[in-house]
Amino acid sequence: MTFRYRAAVPLAAVGLALGLARVAAGQLASRPAEEWAARLERPDRVAGLKIDYIIQKLELKPGQVVADIGAGPGVLSIPLAKAVAPGGKVYAEDIDKGFFDHVDRRAKEQQVTNVLNVLGEPVDPKLPARDVDVALFHDVLHHIENRAAYLKATAAYVKPTGRVAIIELPPDGSHKNEPALVVTKDQVTAWMADAGFKPVQEFDGLTEGKWFVVYARR
């Protein structure tokens, strides 16, 4: 009994370590979900995101389908879901299912019923259908290791008339001393071209000098 009990602890620790390693392998500068949620849900951060502005510029309409890629705790997913209701839905996609309880809690508090949690993979969001009107990458692309492959995989879920919207920090932003986390518009334009998309709209007005570009099929 004593031997078995002591053996179980290292095995559990190994399992936890392997689980965290899998998340880390698919996400640059990764953190545990609870730590991320506490950071992402800070009221001052949420206030500075200008979510209403983003929704307005995307011209979301009832009945549309939005994929919130790297949704985390659902800070954007819930407002997006309200914007496409009734009849629309939001895929709150993330590679860490530890966020799903946060999304569900937020949706329940705000009486939102059209959000679906989706467990993605490091190179594929694994969305449940190829019916997406807008795929939104909000401050998340820099965390993806193989960005070109991921964008191409995401494009396969977007309708022929659908769009991909990307919001990222500028090269001289908070990641300027971490080259692996810097994503430029020129890089994304090249990756999106390989996926069959071109930039069709660009908006200013976000905090921290973030760039906001919308891509559609060529």
Protein backbone atom coordinates (compact mmCIF):
# COMPACT_ATOMS: atom_id res chain seq x y z
CA MET A 1 0.00 0.00 0.00
CA THR A 2 2.71 2.48 1.00
CA PHE A 3 4.78 1.70 -2.09
CA ARG A 4 1.82 2.11 -4.41
CA TYR A 5 0.79 5.39 -2.85
CA ARG A 6 4.26 6.85 -3.18
CA ALA A 7 4.59 5.63 -6.75
CA ALA A 8 1.35 7.31 -7.78
CA VAL A 9 2.60 10.78 -6.91
CA PRO A 10 5.50 10.82 -9.39
CA LEU A 11 3.26 9.31 -12.07
CA ALA A 12 0.72 12.08 -11.56
CA ALA A 13 3.49 14.65 -11.68
CA VAL A 14 4.82 13.13 -14.89
CA GLY A 15 1.32 13.22 -16.39
CA LEU A 16 0.91 16.88 -15.47
CA ALA A 17 4.31 17.73 -16.88
CA LEU A 18 3.52 15.95 -20.13
CA GLY A 19 0.20 17.76 -20.39
CA LEU A 20 1.84 21.15 -19.89
CA ALA A 21 4.54 20.19 -22.37
CA ARG A 22 1.93 19.44 -25.01
CA VAL A 23 0.37 22.88 -24.51
CA ALA A 24 3.77 24.55 -24.51
CA ALA A 25 4.72 22.75 -27.73
CA GLY A 26 1.79 24.35 -29.52
CA GLN A 27 1.93 27.79 -27.94
CA LEU A 28 4.89 30.13 -27.71
CA ALA A 29 5.26 31.85 -24.33
CA SER A 30 2.57 29.59 -22.90
CA ARG A 31 1.13 29.76 -19.40
CA PRO A 32 -1.37 27.63 -17.44
CA ALA A 33 -4.98 28.47 -18.30
CA GLU A 34 -5.77 29.87 -14.86
CA GLU A 35 -2.82 32.24 -15.00
CA TRP A 36 -3.74 33.36 -18.52
CA ALA A 37 -7.39 33.86 -17.56
CA ALA A 38 -6.47 36.09 -14.63
CA ARG A 39 -4.31 38.18 -16.94
CA LEU A 40 -6.74 38.35 -19.85
CA GLU A 41 -9.85 39.09 -17.79
CA ARG A 42 -8.43 42.12 -15.97
CA PRO A 43 -11.02 44.92 -16.20
CA ASP A 44 -8.43 47.49 -17.29
CA ARG A 45 -7.23 45.23 -20.09
CA VAL A 46 -10.76 44.42 -21.29
CA ALA A 47 -11.64 48.13 -21.30
CA GLY A 48 -8.66 48.87 -23.53
CA LEU A 49 -9.48 46.22 -26.14
CA LYS A 50 -12.17 48.35 -27.82
CA ILE A 51 -14.31 45.29 -28.45
CA ASP A 52 -17.28 47.33 -29.69
CA TYR A 53 -14.99 49.02 -32.22
CA ILE A 54 -13.73 45.64 -33.47
CA ILE A 55 -17.27 44.30 -33.85
CA GLN A 56 -18.37 47.46 -35.66
CA LYS A 57 -15.50 47.29 -38.15
CA LEU A 58 -16.15 43.61 -38.83
CA GLU A 59 -19.78 44.50 -39.64
CA LEU A 60 -21.05 41.35 -37.97
CA LYS A 61 -24.68 40.47 -38.59
CA PRO A 62 -27.25 38.13 -37.02
CA GLY A 63 -26.96 34.63 -38.40
CA GLN A 64 -23.22 34.72 -39.10
CA VAL A 65 -20.65 32.25 -37.81
CA VAL A 66 -17.50 33.58 -36.15
CA ALA A 67 -14.44 31.60 -35.11
CA ASP A 68 -12.66 33.24 -32.18
CA ILE A 69 -9.25 31.62 -32.61
CA GLY A 70 -7.30 31.36 -29.37
CA ALA A 71 -10.38 32.48 -27.48
CA GLY A 72 -8.92 31.94 -24.02
CA PRO A 73 -11.52 32.72 -21.34
CA GLY A 74 -13.97 34.16 -23.89
CA VAL A 75 -13.45 37.88 -23.35
CA LEU A 76 -14.26 38.49 -27.03
CA SER A 77 -16.32 35.36 -27.68
CA ILE A 78 -19.32 36.53 -25.67
CA PRO A 79 -19.65 40.00 -27.28
CA LEU A 80 -19.12 38.39 -30.69
CA ALA A 81 -21.90 35.92 -29.94
CA LYS A 82 -24.26 38.72 -29.01
CA ALA A 83 -23.44 40.49 -32.28
CA VAL A 84 -24.41 37.48 -34.44
CA ALA A 85 -27.55 36.55 -32.48
CA PRO A 86 -30.14 35.47 -33.26
CA GLY A 87 -29.29 32.61 -35.56
CA GLY A 88 -25.52 32.97 -35.50
CA LYS A 89 -22.87 31.28 -33.40
CA VAL A 90 -19.30 31.61 -32.20
CA TYR A 91 -16.69 28.89 -32.06
CA ALA A 92 -14.55 29.68 -28.99
CA GLU A 93 -11.45 27.78 -30.10
CA ASP A 94 -8.38 27.11 -28.00
CA ILE A 95 -5.76 24.38 -27.63
CA ASP A 96 -6.16 24.44 -23.83
CA LYS A 97 -9.50 23.11 -22.62
CA GLY A 98 -8.74 24.63 -19.23
CA PHE A 99 -10.35 27.80 -20.60
CA PHE A 100 -13.70 26.19 -21.36
CA ASP A 101 -15.12 26.56 -17.85
CA HIS A 102 -14.31 30.27 -18.01
CA VAL A 103 -16.13 30.63 -21.33
CA ASP A 104 -19.14 28.70 -20.03
CA ARG A 105 -19.31 30.77 -16.84
CA ARG A 106 -19.10 34.03 -18.74
CA ALA A 107 -21.79 32.88 -21.20
CA LYS A 108 -24.11 31.79 -18.40
CA GLU A 109 -23.69 35.07 -16.52
CA GLN A 110 -24.61 37.02 -19.64
CA GLN A 111 -27.32 34.59 -20.80
CA VAL A 112 -25.55 33.81 -24.06
CA THR A 113 -26.37 30.43 -25.57
CA ASN A 114 -24.71 30.53 -28.99
CA VAL A 115 -21.06 29.89 -28.06
CA LEU A 116 -19.47 26.50 -28.70
CA ASN A 117 -16.13 25.58 -27.15
CA VAL A 118 -13.78 23.94 -29.65
CA LEU A 119 -10.57 22.12 -28.71
CA GLY A 120 -8.05 22.84 -31.44
CA GLU A 121 -4.60 21.50 -32.20
CA PRO A 122 -1.27 23.33 -32.62
CA VAL A 123 -1.50 23.26 -36.43
CA ASP A 124 -5.27 23.09 -36.96
CA PRO A 125 -8.17 24.79 -35.12
CA LYS A 126 -10.30 21.67 -35.73
CA LEU A 127 -13.49 23.68 -36.19
CA PRO A 128 -16.63 21.52 -36.45
CA ALA A 129 -17.74 22.80 -39.87
CA ARG A 130 -16.52 24.74 -42.89
CA ASP A 131 -19.12 27.44 -42.34
CA VAL A 132 -17.14 30.36 -40.92
CA ASP A 133 -18.00 33.90 -42.02
CA VAL A 134 -15.23 35.53 -39.98
CA ALA A 135 -12.19 33.93 -38.35
CA LEU A 136 -10.72 36.33 -35.82
CA PHE A 137 -7.15 36.17 -34.50
CA HIS A 138 -7.05 38.78 -31.75
CA ASP A 139 -3.58 39.25 -30.25
CA VAL A 140 -2.98 35.50 -30.63
CA LEU A 141 -1.11 34.76 -33.86
CA HIS A 142 2.26 35.53 -32.26
CA HIS A 143 1.69 32.63 -29.85
CA ILE A 144 1.33 30.12 -32.70
CA GLU A 145 4.56 28.39 -33.61
CA ASN A 146 3.82 27.35 -37.22
CA ARG A 147 1.84 30.38 -38.30
CA ALA A 148 1.80 29.78 -42.05
CA ALA A 149 0.44 26.24 -41.68
CA TYR A 150 -2.10 27.31 -39.07
CA LEU A 151 -3.46 30.13 -41.21
CA LYS A 152 -3.78 27.81 -44.20
CA ALA A 153 -5.59 25.23 -42.06
CA THR A 154 -7.94 27.92 -40.73
CA ALA A 155 -8.70 29.16 -44.25
CA ALA A 156 -10.15 25.76 -45.10
CA TYR A 157 -12.99 26.37 -42.61
CA VAL A 158 -13.88 29.80 -44.02
CA LYS A 159 -16.74 30.15 -46.50
CA PRO A 160 -15.87 31.25 -50.07
CA THR A 161 -17.15 34.73 -49.18
CA GLY A 162 -15.75 34.64 -45.65
CA ARG A 163 -12.96 36.70 -44.12
CA VAL A 164 -10.00 36.32 -41.79
CA ALA A 165 -9.32 39.23 -39.42
CA ILE A 166 -5.99 39.58 -37.65
CA ILE A 167 -5.13 41.99 -34.84
CA GLU A 168 -1.52 42.06 -33.66
CA LEU A 169 0.97 44.19 -31.81
CA PRO A 170 3.42 46.26 -33.90
CA PRO A 171 7.05 45.11 -34.23
CA ASP A 172 8.14 47.83 -31.79
CA GLY A 173 5.46 46.85 -29.26
CA SER A 174 5.75 44.94 -26.01
CA HIS A 175 7.40 41.94 -27.72
CA LYS A 176 10.13 43.93 -29.47
CA ASN A 177 12.81 42.21 -27.39
CA GLU A 178 11.35 38.78 -28.09
CA PRO A 179 11.84 38.22 -31.84
CA ALA A 180 10.02 34.87 -31.79
CA LEU A 181 6.83 36.68 -30.72
CA VAL A 182 6.90 39.42 -33.35
CA VAL A 183 4.49 39.15 -36.29
CA THR A 184 4.50 41.76 -39.05
CA LYS A 185 1.85 42.69 -41.59
CA ASP A 186 4.21 41.79 -44.44
CA GLN A 187 4.71 38.30 -43.01
CA VAL A 188 1.00 37.75 -42.62
CA THR A 189 0.26 39.08 -46.11
CA ALA A 190 2.65 36.45 -47.52
CA TRP A 191 1.19 33.64 -45.41
CA MET A 192 -2.36 34.62 -46.29
CA ALA A 193 -1.48 34.82 -49.99
CA ASP A 194 -0.29 31.23 -49.77
CA ALA A 195 -3.71 30.39 -48.32
CA GLY A 196 -5.43 32.19 -51.20
CA PHE A 197 -6.32 35.43 -49.38
CA LYS A 198 -5.39 39.09 -49.81
CA PRO A 199 -5.77 42.14 -47.52
CA VAL A 200 -9.01 44.01 -48.25
CA GLN A 201 -9.43 46.33 -45.25
CA GLU A 202 -7.18 47.92 -42.65
CA PHE A 203 -8.25 49.85 -39.58
CA ASP A 204 -6.53 52.14 -37.10
CA GLY A 205 -7.81 53.11 -33.71
CA LEU A 206 -6.76 50.27 -31.43
CA THR A 207 -4.59 50.75 -28.37
CA GLU A 208 -0.85 49.99 -28.20
CA GLY A 209 -0.51 50.65 -31.92
CA LYS A 210 -2.04 47.28 -32.78
CA TRP A 211 -2.61 46.65 -36.46
CA PHE A 212 -5.98 45.35 -37.64
CA VAL A 213 -6.23 43.85 -41.13
CA VAL A 214 -9.05 41.89 -42.78
CA TYR A 215 -8.29 39.36 -45.53
CA ALA A 216 -10.60 37.84 -48.15
CA ARG A 217 -10.12 35.37 -50.97
CA ARG A 218 -8.46 36.66 -54.11
